[in-house]
C-alpha atoms as a PDB file:
ATOM      1  CA  MET A   1     -12.796  15.154   1.831  1.00  0.00           C
ATOM      2  CA  SER A   2     -15.010  12.042   2.286  1.00  0.00           C
ATOM      3  CA  ASP A   3     -15.074  10.530   5.824  1.00  0.00           C
ATOM      4  CA  LYS A   4     -15.698   6.736   3.911  1.00  0.00           C
ATOM      5  CA  LEU A   5     -13.183   4.021   4.559  1.00  0.00           C
ATOM      6  CA  ILE A   6     -10.338   3.545   2.574  1.00  0.00           C
ATOM      7  CA  ILE A   7      -9.558  -0.271   2.169  1.00  0.00           C
ATOM      8  CA  ASN A   8      -6.187  -0.366   0.770  1.00  0.00           C
ATOM      9  CA  PHE A   9      -5.461  -4.392  -0.013  1.00  0.00           C
ATOM     10  CA  THR A  10      -1.968  -5.790   0.173  1.00  0.00           C
ATOM     11  CA  PRO A  11      -2.063  -9.122  -0.917  1.00  0.00           C
ATOM     12  CA  THR A  12       1.572 -10.564  -1.398  1.00  0.00           C
ATOM     13  CA  GLY A  13       4.179  -8.257   0.045  1.00  0.00           C
ATOM     14  CA  MET A  14       7.911  -9.620  -0.334  1.00  0.00           C
ATOM     15  CA  ILE A  15       8.560 -11.977   3.031  1.00  0.00           C
ATOM     16  CA  PRO A  16       5.596 -14.240   3.243  1.00  0.00           C
ATOM     17  CA  THR A  17       6.429 -17.487   1.340  1.00  0.00           C
ATOM     18  CA  LYS A  18       4.194 -20.527   0.449  1.00  0.00           C
ATOM     19  CA  LYS A  19       6.301 -22.417   3.317  1.00  0.00           C
ATOM     20  CA  MET A  20       5.234 -19.958   6.208  1.00  0.00           C
ATOM     21  CA  THR A  21       1.786 -20.015   4.942  1.00  0.00           C
ATOM     22  CA  PRO A  22       0.049 -21.605   1.723  1.00  0.00           C
ATOM     23  CA  HIS A  23      -2.476 -18.971   1.488  1.00  0.00           C
ATOM     24  CA  VAL A  24       0.386 -15.954   0.206  1.00  0.00           C
ATOM     25  CA  PRO A  25      -0.367 -15.466  -3.686  1.00  0.00           C
ATOM     26  CA  ILE A  26       2.737 -15.542  -5.355  1.00  0.00           C
ATOM     27  CA  SER A  27       2.022 -16.550  -9.239  1.00  0.00           C
ATOM     28  CA  VAL A  28       0.470 -13.576 -11.169  1.00  0.00           C
ATOM     29  CA  SER A  29      -2.658 -16.306 -11.564  1.00  0.00           C
ATOM     30  CA  GLU A  30      -2.710 -16.229  -7.751  1.00  0.00           C
ATOM     31  CA  ILE A  31      -2.169 -12.873  -6.863  1.00  0.00           C
ATOM     32  CA  VAL A  32      -4.908 -11.447  -9.785  1.00  0.00           C
ATOM     33  CA  GLU A  33      -7.403 -14.042  -7.915  1.00  0.00           C
ATOM     34  CA  ASP A  34      -6.810 -12.798  -4.475  1.00  0.00           C
ATOM     35  CA  VAL A  35      -7.344  -9.250  -6.109  1.00  0.00           C
ATOM     36  CA  HIS A  36     -10.411 -10.450  -7.789  1.00  0.00           C
ATOM     37  CA  ARG A  37     -12.034 -11.643  -4.604  1.00  0.00           C
ATOM     38  CA  ALA A  38     -10.854  -9.025  -2.349  1.00  0.00           C
ATOM     39  CA  THR A  39     -12.685  -6.831  -4.931  1.00  0.00           C
ATOM     40  CA  GLU A  40     -15.955  -9.180  -4.814  1.00  0.00           C
ATOM     41  CA  THR A  41     -15.672  -7.945  -1.218  1.00  0.00           C
ATOM     42  CA  GLY A  42     -15.077  -4.706  -1.318  1.00  0.00           C
ATOM     43  CA  ILE A  43     -11.541  -2.483  -1.690  1.00  0.00           C
ATOM     44  CA  THR A  44     -10.327   0.933  -2.603  1.00  0.00           C
ATOM     45  CA  MET A  45      -7.493  -0.048  -3.908  1.00  0.00           C
ATOM     46  CA  VAL A  46      -4.920  -2.922  -4.194  1.00  0.00           C
ATOM     47  CA  HIS A  47      -0.815  -2.328  -3.519  1.00  0.00           C
ATOM     48  CA  LEU A  48       1.216  -4.885  -5.519  1.00  0.00           C
ATOM     49  CA  HIS A  49       4.311  -6.995  -5.103  1.00  0.00           C
ATOM     50  CA  ALA A  50       5.642  -8.765  -7.818  1.00  0.00           C
ATOM     51  CA  ARG A  51       7.390 -12.357  -7.619  1.00  0.00           C
ATOM     52  CA  ASN A  52       9.237 -14.482  -9.003  1.00  0.00           C
ATOM     53  CA  GLU A  53       7.010 -17.376  -9.787  1.00  0.00           C
ATOM     54  CA  VAL A  54       9.863 -20.459  -9.213  1.00  0.00           C
ATOM     55  CA  THR A  55      11.721 -19.300  -6.371  1.00  0.00           C
ATOM     56  CA  GLU A  56       9.229 -16.780  -4.894  1.00  0.00           C
ATOM     57  CA  GLU A  57      11.874 -14.021  -4.265  1.00  0.00           C
ATOM     58  CA  PRO A  58      10.800 -10.301  -4.683  1.00  0.00           C
ATOM     59  CA  SER A  59      10.695  -9.367  -8.506  1.00  0.00           C
ATOM     60  CA  TYR A  60      11.215  -5.538  -9.747  1.00  0.00           C
ATOM     61  CA  LYS A  61      10.580  -6.393 -13.141  1.00  0.00           C
ATOM     62  CA  LYS A  62       7.782  -4.370 -15.227  1.00  0.00           C
ATOM     63  CA  GLU A  63       6.829  -7.317 -17.396  1.00  0.00           C
ATOM     64  CA  ILE A  64       5.271  -9.297 -13.998  1.00  0.00           C
ATOM     65  CA  TYR A  65       3.745  -6.488 -12.942  1.00  0.00           C
ATOM     66  CA  GLY A  66       2.277  -5.815 -16.170  1.00  0.00           C
ATOM     67  CA  GLU A  67       0.934  -9.332 -16.221  1.00  0.00           C
ATOM     68  CA  ILE A  68      -0.617  -8.612 -12.726  1.00  0.00           C
ATOM     69  CA  ILE A  69      -2.297  -5.339 -13.646  1.00  0.00           C
ATOM     70  CA  SER A  70      -3.450  -6.814 -16.906  1.00  0.00           C
ATOM     71  CA  GLY A  71      -5.301  -9.585 -15.194  1.00  0.00           C
ATOM     72  CA  ILE A  72      -6.729  -7.063 -12.511  1.00  0.00           C
ATOM     73  CA  ARG A  73      -7.860  -4.777 -14.961  1.00  0.00           C
ATOM     74  CA  LYS A  74      -9.802  -7.169 -17.038  1.00  0.00           C
ATOM     75  CA  PHE A  75     -12.228  -7.672 -14.150  1.00  0.00           C
ATOM     76  CA  ASP A  76     -12.033  -4.051 -12.675  1.00  0.00           C
ATOM     77  CA  PRO A  77     -10.453  -1.296 -15.135  1.00  0.00           C
ATOM     78  CA  TYR A  78     -11.644   1.067 -12.017  1.00  0.00           C
ATOM     79  CA  LEU A  79      -9.402  -0.132  -9.243  1.00  0.00           C
ATOM     80  CA  VAL A  80      -6.628   2.129  -7.960  1.00  0.00           C
ATOM     81  CA  ILE A  81      -3.147  -0.025  -8.367  1.00  0.00           C
ATOM     82  CA  CYS A  82      -0.491   1.299  -6.628  1.00  0.00           C
ATOM     83  CA  VAL A  83       2.930  -1.056  -7.470  1.00  0.00           C
ATOM     84  CA  SER A  84       5.936  -1.340  -4.986  1.00  0.00           C
ATOM     85  CA  LEU A  85       9.052   0.438  -5.570  1.00  0.00           C
ATOM     86  CA  SER A  86      10.458  -0.948  -2.652  1.00  0.00           C
ATOM     87  CA  GLY A  87      14.370  -0.719  -1.365  1.00  0.00           C
ATOM     88  CA  ARG A  88      14.485  -3.713   0.672  1.00  0.00           C
ATOM     89  CA  ASN A  89      16.068  -6.009  -2.062  1.00  0.00           C
ATOM     90  CA  PHE A  90      16.798  -3.344  -4.923  1.00  0.00           C
ATOM     91  CA  LYS A  91      19.248  -0.679  -4.939  1.00  0.00           C
ATOM     92  CA  GLU A  92      19.670   0.429  -8.029  1.00  0.00           C
ATOM     93  CA  LEU A  93      16.954   3.538  -9.104  1.00  0.00           C
ATOM     94  CA  GLU A  94      16.653   1.478 -12.446  1.00  0.00           C
ATOM     95  CA  GLN A  95      15.543  -1.626 -10.914  1.00  0.00           C
ATOM     96  CA  ARG A  96      13.241   0.576  -8.520  1.00  0.00           C
ATOM     97  CA  ALA A  97      11.303   2.693 -11.115  1.00  0.00           C
ATOM     98  CA  ASP A  98      11.399   0.041 -13.662  1.00  0.00           C
ATOM     99  CA  VAL A  99       7.847  -0.572 -13.083  1.00  0.00           C
ATOM    100  CA  LEU A 100       7.173   2.903 -13.679  1.00  0.00           C
ATOM    101  CA  ASN A 101       7.804   2.855 -17.369  1.00  0.00           C
ATOM    102  CA  LEU A 102       4.620   0.832 -17.966  1.00  0.00           C
ATOM    103  CA  GLU A 103       2.276   2.973 -19.937  1.00  0.00           C
ATOM    104  CA  GLY A 104      -1.164   2.932 -21.232  1.00  0.00           C
ATOM    105  CA  ASP A 105      -3.821   0.316 -19.883  1.00  0.00           C
ATOM    106  CA  LEU A 106      -1.013  -1.251 -17.866  1.00  0.00           C
ATOM    107  CA  LYS A 107       0.292   2.159 -16.101  1.00  0.00           C
ATOM    108  CA  PRO A 108       0.187   1.898 -12.450  1.00  0.00           C
ATOM    109  CA  ASP A 109      -1.935   4.825 -10.751  1.00  0.00           C
ATOM    110  CA  MET A 110       0.647   4.770  -7.876  1.00  0.00           C
ATOM    111  CA  GLY A 111       4.093   4.071  -7.068  1.00  0.00           C
ATOM    112  CA  SER A 112       4.957   3.132  -3.162  1.00  0.00           C
ATOM    113  CA  LEU A 113       7.438   5.678  -1.608  1.00  0.00           C
ATOM    114  CA  THR A 114       9.112   5.076   1.806  1.00  0.00           C
ATOM    115  CA  LEU A 115      10.283   8.172   2.888  1.00  0.00           C
ATOM    116  CA  SER A 116      13.377   7.303   5.073  1.00  0.00           C
ATOM    117  CA  SER A 117      15.665   4.204   5.528  1.00  0.00           C
ATOM    118  CA  LEU A 118      14.693   1.974   8.486  1.00  0.00           C
ATOM    119  CA  ASN A 119      15.565  -1.379   9.710  1.00  0.00           C
ATOM    120  CA  PHE A 120      13.393  -4.295  10.131  1.00  0.00           C
ATOM    121  CA  ASN A 121      13.729  -7.332  12.434  1.00  0.00           C
ATOM    122  CA  LYS A 122      16.474  -9.146   9.965  1.00  0.00           C
ATOM    123  CA  VAL A 123      16.728  -6.619   6.896  1.00  0.00           C
ATOM    124  CA  ALA A 124      17.184  -2.849   6.138  1.00  0.00           C
ATOM    125  CA  SER A 125      15.192  -0.620   3.788  1.00  0.00           C
ATOM    126  CA  MET A 126      17.406   1.631   2.014  1.00  0.00           C
ATOM    127  CA  ASN A 127      15.963   4.870   0.722  1.00  0.00           C
ATOM    128  CA  SER A 128      18.778   7.608   0.569  1.00  0.00           C
ATOM    129  CA  PRO A 129      17.401  11.262   0.265  1.00  0.00           C
ATOM    130  CA  ASP A 130      18.802  11.411  -3.566  1.00  0.00           C
ATOM    131  CA  MET A 131      16.401   7.661  -3.887  1.00  0.00           C
ATOM    132  CA  ILE A 132      13.553   9.101  -2.639  1.00  0.00           C
ATOM    133  CA  GLN A 133      13.442  12.423  -4.464  1.00  0.00           C
ATOM    134  CA  ASN A 134      14.359  10.867  -7.881  1.00  0.00           C
ATOM    135  CA  LEU A 135      11.474   8.335  -7.478  1.00  0.00           C
ATOM    136  CA  ALA A 136       9.014  11.056  -6.624  1.00  0.00           C
ATOM    137  CA  LEU A 137      10.463  13.358  -9.607  1.00  0.00           C
ATOM    138  CA  ILE A 138       9.822  10.152 -11.822  1.00  0.00           C
ATOM    139  CA  MET A 139       6.504   9.866 -10.695  1.00  0.00           C
ATOM    140  CA  LYS A 140       5.588  13.393 -11.196  1.00  0.00           C
ATOM    141  CA  GLU A 141       6.996  13.585 -14.547  1.00  0.00           C
ATOM    142  CA  LYS A 142       4.660  10.287 -15.331  1.00  0.00           C
ATOM    143  CA  GLY A 143       1.729  11.492 -13.462  1.00  0.00           C
ATOM    144  CA  ILE A 144       1.974   8.589 -11.160  1.00  0.00           C
ATOM    145  CA  VAL A 145       0.765   9.406  -7.529  1.00  0.00           C
ATOM    146  CA  PRO A 146       2.929   8.436  -4.535  1.00  0.00           C
ATOM    147  CA  GLU A 147       1.459   6.282  -1.936  1.00  0.00           C
ATOM    148  CA  LEU A 148       3.784   7.793   0.579  1.00  0.00           C
ATOM    149  CA  GLU A 149       4.825   5.186   3.295  1.00  0.00           C
ATOM    150  CA  ALA A 150       5.632   6.576   7.121  1.00  0.00           C
ATOM    151  CA  PHE A 151       6.845   4.420   9.708  1.00  0.00           C
ATOM    152  CA  ASP A 152       7.515   7.127  12.487  1.00  0.00           C
ATOM    153  CA  ILE A 153       7.224  10.882  13.063  1.00  0.00           C
ATOM    154  CA  GLY A 154      10.184  11.641  11.644  1.00  0.00           C
ATOM    155  CA  ILE A 155       9.235   9.919   8.364  1.00  0.00           C
ATOM    156  CA  VAL A 156       6.128  12.253   8.078  1.00  0.00           C
ATOM    157  CA  ASN A 157       8.122  15.243   8.871  1.00  0.00           C
ATOM    158  CA  PHE A 158      10.458  14.231   5.504  1.00  0.00           C
ATOM    159  CA  SER A 159       7.469  14.638   3.347  1.00  0.00           C
ATOM    160  CA  LYS A 160       7.027  18.578   4.073  1.00  0.00           C
ATOM    161  CA  TYR A 161      10.442  19.061   2.861  1.00  0.00           C
ATOM    162  CA  LEU A 162       9.699  16.919   0.017  1.00  0.00           C
ATOM    163  CA  ILE A 163       6.793  19.103  -0.568  1.00  0.00           C
ATOM    164  CA  LYS A 164       8.879  22.445  -0.177  1.00  0.00           C
ATOM    165  CA  LYS A 165      11.033  21.251  -2.825  1.00  0.00           C
ATOM    166  CA  GLY A 166       7.998  20.745  -5.270  1.00  0.00           C
ATOM    167  CA  LEU A 167       8.374  17.073  -5.246  1.00  0.00           C
ATOM    168  CA  LEU A 168       5.157  15.869  -3.989  1.00  0.00           C
ATOM    169  CA  GLU A 169       1.814  17.761  -5.161  1.00  0.00           C
ATOM    170  CA  PRO A 170      -1.736  17.832  -3.067  1.00  0.00           C
ATOM    171  CA  PRO A 171      -3.662  15.964  -2.298  1.00  0.00           C
ATOM    172  CA  TYR A 172      -1.632  13.475  -0.261  1.00  0.00           C
ATOM    173  CA  TYR A 173      -2.030   9.682   0.569  1.00  0.00           C
ATOM    174  CA  PHE A 174      -0.160   7.977   3.561  1.00  0.00           C
ATOM    175  CA  ASN A 175       0.451   5.088   4.766  1.00  0.00           C
ATOM    176  CA  LEU A 176       0.961   5.231   8.448  1.00  0.00           C
ATOM    177  CA  LEU A 177       2.950   1.812   9.403  1.00  0.00           C
ATOM    178  CA  LEU A 178       3.098   1.176  13.164  1.00  0.00           C
ATOM    179  CA  GLY A 179       4.672  -1.817  15.197  1.00  0.00           C
ATOM    180  CA  ASN A 180       7.957  -2.492  13.206  1.00  0.00           C
ATOM    181  CA  ILE A 181      10.802  -2.958  16.032  1.00  0.00           C
ATOM    182  CA  ALA A 182      12.610  -0.184  15.003  1.00  0.00           C
ATOM    183  CA  CYS A 183       9.836   2.532  14.483  1.00  0.00           C
ATOM    184  CA  SER A 184       6.813   3.907  16.122  1.00  0.00           C
ATOM    185  CA  GLN A 185       5.095   1.291  18.099  1.00  0.00           C
ATOM    186  CA  ALA A 186       1.901   0.094  17.779  1.00  0.00           C
ATOM    187  CA  ASN A 187      -0.218   2.439  20.721  1.00  0.00           C
ATOM    188  CA  LEU A 188      -2.725   5.264  20.990  1.00  0.00           C
ATOM    189  CA  LEU A 189       0.136   7.739  21.756  1.00  0.00           C
ATOM    190  CA  HIS A 190       2.520   7.145  18.469  1.00  0.00           C
ATOM    191  CA  ALA A 191      -0.489   6.713  16.175  1.00  0.00           C
ATOM    192  CA  GLY A 192      -1.770  10.245  17.117  1.00  0.00           C
ATOM    193  CA  ILE A 193       1.222  12.170  16.586  1.00  0.00           C
ATOM    194  CA  MET A 194       1.664  10.729  13.458  1.00  0.00           C
ATOM    195  CA  ILE A 195      -1.955  11.417  12.773  1.00  0.00           C
ATOM    196  CA  GLN A 196      -2.035  14.857  13.900  1.00  0.00           C
ATOM    197  CA  ASP A 197       1.573  15.889  11.882  1.00  0.00           C
ATOM    198  CA  LEU A 198       0.220  14.450   8.430  1.00  0.00           C
ATOM    199  CA  PRO A 199       0.519  17.681   5.512  1.00  0.00           C
ATOM    200  CA  GLN A 200      -2.879  19.412   5.166  1.00  0.00           C
ATOM    201  CA  ASN A 201      -4.957  17.375   2.698  1.00  0.00           C
ATOM    202  CA  SER A 202      -3.762  14.297   3.289  1.00  0.00           C
ATOM    203  CA  LEU A 203      -5.758  10.650   3.304  1.00  0.00           C
ATOM    204  CA  TRP A 204      -4.353   8.268   5.257  1.00  0.00           C
ATOM    205  CA  SER A 205      -4.377   4.465   6.172  1.00  0.00           C
ATOM    206  CA  MET A 206      -3.359   2.635   9.015  1.00  0.00           C
ATOM    207  CA  ALA A 207      -1.207  -0.355   9.423  1.00  0.00           C
ATOM    208  CA  GLY A 208       0.033  -2.610  11.963  1.00  0.00           C
ATOM    209  CA  ILE A 209       2.550  -4.981  11.681  1.00  0.00           C
ATOM    210  CA  GLY A 210       2.207  -8.806  12.538  1.00  0.00           C
ATOM    211  CA  ASN A 211      -0.277  -8.751  15.488  1.00  0.00           C
ATOM    212  CA  ALA A 212      -0.515  -5.228  15.460  1.00  0.00           C
ATOM    213  CA  GLN A 213      -2.788  -5.423  12.253  1.00  0.00           C
ATOM    214  CA  LEU A 214      -5.856  -5.843  13.749  1.00  0.00           C
ATOM    215  CA  LYS A 215      -5.634  -3.373  16.081  1.00  0.00           C
ATOM    216  CA  MET A 216      -4.320  -0.781  14.395  1.00  0.00           C
ATOM    217  CA  ASN A 217      -6.947  -1.435  11.914  1.00  0.00           C
ATOM    218  CA  SER A 218      -9.649  -1.391  14.218  1.00  0.00           C
ATOM    219  CA  LEU A 219      -8.351   1.681  15.767  1.00  0.00           C
ATOM    220  CA  SER A 220      -8.234   3.738  12.275  1.00  0.00           C
ATOM    221  CA  ILE A 221     -11.580   2.589  11.344  1.00  0.00           C
ATOM    222  CA  ALA A 222     -12.875   3.950  14.632  1.00  0.00           C
ATOM    223  CA  VAL A 223     -10.955   7.548  14.443  1.00  0.00           C
ATOM    224  CA  GLY A 224     -12.255   7.892  10.809  1.00  0.00           C
ATOM    225  CA  GLY A 225      -8.954   6.652   8.638  1.00  0.00           C
ATOM    226  CA  GLY A 226      -8.256   4.353   6.275  1.00  0.00           C
ATOM    227  CA  VAL A 227      -6.992   0.750   6.642  1.00  0.00           C
ATOM    228  CA  ARG A 228      -4.147  -0.872   5.047  1.00  0.00           C
ATOM    229  CA  VAL A 229      -4.877  -4.798   5.412  1.00  0.00           C
ATOM    230  CA  GLY A 230      -3.536  -8.160   3.820  1.00  0.00           C
ATOM    231  CA  ILE A 231      -0.952 -11.273   4.331  1.00  0.00           C
ATOM    232  CA  GLU A 232       1.871  -8.836   3.458  1.00  0.00           C
ATOM    233  CA  ASP A 233       1.809  -7.387   6.488  1.00  0.00           C
ATOM    234  CA  ASN A 234       0.295 -10.256   8.870  1.00  0.00           C
ATOM    235  CA  ILE A 235      -0.434 -14.296   7.717  1.00  0.00           C
ATOM    236  CA  TRP A 236      -2.384 -15.103  10.711  1.00  0.00           C
ATOM    237  CA  PHE A 237      -5.864 -14.424  11.668  1.00  0.00           C
ATOM    238  CA  ASP A 238      -5.674 -14.547  15.333  1.00  0.00           C
ATOM    239  CA  THR A 239      -3.100 -12.724  17.711  1.00  0.00           C
ATOM    240  CA  ASN A 240      -2.507 -16.136  19.274  1.00  0.00           C
ATOM    241  CA  ARG A 241      -0.883 -17.221  15.999  1.00  0.00           C
ATOM    242  CA  THR A 242      -3.524 -20.467  16.242  1.00  0.00           C
ATOM    243  CA  LYS A 243      -4.839 -19.921  12.442  1.00  0.00           C
ATOM    244  CA  LEU A 244      -3.360 -19.108   9.371  1.00  0.00           C
ATOM    245  CA  THR A 245      -5.426 -16.056   7.680  1.00  0.00           C
ATOM    246  CA  SER A 246      -6.382 -15.873   4.020  1.00  0.00           C
ATOM    247  CA  ASN A 247      -6.597 -12.684   2.158  1.00  0.00           C
ATOM    248  CA  VAL A 248     -10.347 -12.615   1.850  1.00  0.00           C
ATOM    249  CA  GLU A 249     -11.040 -13.248   5.750  1.00  0.00           C
ATOM    250  CA  LEU A 250      -8.754 -10.185   6.468  1.00  0.00           C
ATOM    251  CA  VAL A 251     -10.895  -8.122   4.309  1.00  0.00           C
ATOM    252  CA  GLU A 252     -14.066  -9.845   5.217  1.00  0.00           C
ATOM    253  CA  ARG A 253     -13.034  -8.729   8.856  1.00  0.00           C
ATOM    254  CA  ILE A 254     -12.579  -5.385   8.209  1.00  0.00           C
ATOM    255  CA  HIS A 255     -16.211  -5.076   6.578  1.00  0.00           C
ATOM    256  CA  THR A 256     -17.568  -6.473   9.860  1.00  0.00           C
ATOM    257  CA  ILE A 257     -15.544  -3.962  11.858  1.00  0.00           C
ATOM    258  CA  ALA A 258     -16.352  -1.124   9.306  1.00  0.00           C
ATOM    259  CA  LYS A 259     -20.305  -1.922   9.996  1.00  0.00           C
ATOM    260  CA  ALA A 260     -20.188  -2.163  13.657  1.00  0.00           C
ATOM    261  CA  ASN A 261     -18.486   1.748  13.278  1.00  0.00           C
ATOM    262  CA  GLY A 262     -20.918   2.946  10.695  1.00  0.00           C
ATOM    263  CA  ARG A 263     -18.561   3.229   7.873  1.00  0.00           C
ATOM    264  CA  GLU A 264     -18.953   2.728   4.693  1.00  0.00           C
ATOM    265  CA  LEU A 265     -16.543   1.608   1.956  1.00  0.00           C
ATOM    266  CA  MET A 266     -14.965   4.389  -0.227  1.00  0.00           C
ATOM    267  CA  THR A 267     -14.961   3.089  -3.805  1.00  0.00           C
ATOM    268  CA  SER A 268     -12.088   3.484  -6.240  1.00  0.00           C
ATOM    269  CA  GLU A 269     -14.071   6.206  -7.870  1.00  0.00           C
ATOM    270  CA  GLU A 270     -14.647   8.210  -5.215  1.00  0.00           C
ATOM    271  CA  PHE A 271     -10.879   7.712  -4.501  1.00  0.00           C
ATOM    272  CA  ARG A 272      -9.890   8.943  -7.723  1.00  0.00           C
ATOM    273  CA  ARG A 273     -11.878  12.043  -7.372  1.00  0.00           C
ATOM    274  CA  ASP A 274     -10.691  13.177  -3.824  1.00  0.00           C
ATOM    275  CA  MET A 275      -7.042  12.559  -5.161  1.00  0.00           C
ATOM    276  CA  ASN A 276      -7.518  14.214  -8.437  1.00  0.00           C
ATOM    277  CA  MET A 277      -6.735  10.941 -10.425  1.00  0.00           C
ATOM    278  CA  GLU A 278      -7.635  10.144 -13.748  1.00  0.00           C
ATOM    279  CA  PRO A 279     -11.029   7.840 -13.728  1.00  0.00           C
ATOM    280  CA  GLY A 280      -9.857   4.607 -14.651  1.00  0.00           C
ATOM    281  CA  ASN A 281     -10.991   2.454 -17.581  1.00  0.00           C
ATOM    282  CA  GLY A 282      -8.229   3.554 -19.315  1.00  0.00           C
ATOM    283  CA  SER A 283      -6.815   6.283 -18.153  1.00  0.00           C
ATOM    284  CA  TYR A 284      -4.815   5.891 -15.325  1.00  0.00           C
ATOM    285  CA  GLY A 285      -2.541   8.216 -12.739  1.00  0.00           C
ATOM    286  CA  ARG A 286      -3.162  11.897 -11.642  1.00  0.00           C
ATOM    287  CA  CYS A 287      -5.019  14.587 -13.852  1.00  0.00           C
END
């Protein structure tokens, strides 16, 4: 597989609000515009969350996701688009899988699949074994690639259980998220163990939660991995938290670090090829 740098752009998430930072995109038009700016700088893929424009609450509704995807594909029909299937706010399979029913030019290429339940600072993300397997099965049937989210070594190991059950097919793509209070911490040992234990034929990106974002992004670039970056995981530009960041500033900084490490950007087309995915421009998901 290619040694080029995957940049997985996460502009919105479920937590940041306009009260926390004016830079977080909430409305469909704001999200589309931030993705547009990021593509101009250079990204491989985007990980989308939908929000209710009035209340700013997270939304599972495929109609909102469809508007975002449509807006993005008007200016970049090749960009790899992943949609969130998060269990933090929505507990029913029908809610979490709603966006997977989009088809045609609105079909997402990927859907996030958190491989275990876990606690964040103030809320739990509930992902029962049945829920995980049902979401994986729906994605397999629809030709949508799971974006495998792992917060510690046990969660990585659960992916191998799903592989044995035939619910995941290679190549695999992992987001390794470090620095959450109840999971693997943002240090070399925890990162190294997770990377070492990934299944064969895996592409991966590393994320750091909050202040850990820059450190984990920098580490991943240095050791040959990809990065997950955006306001979803971190609203501050500096670790002293004196300056709120914009999404484009975070993406531009990744390019600066990548250039210093001699890493070239993996394009969406290259990612699609390495992941055995459809070419885009009207054909989405896995071949």
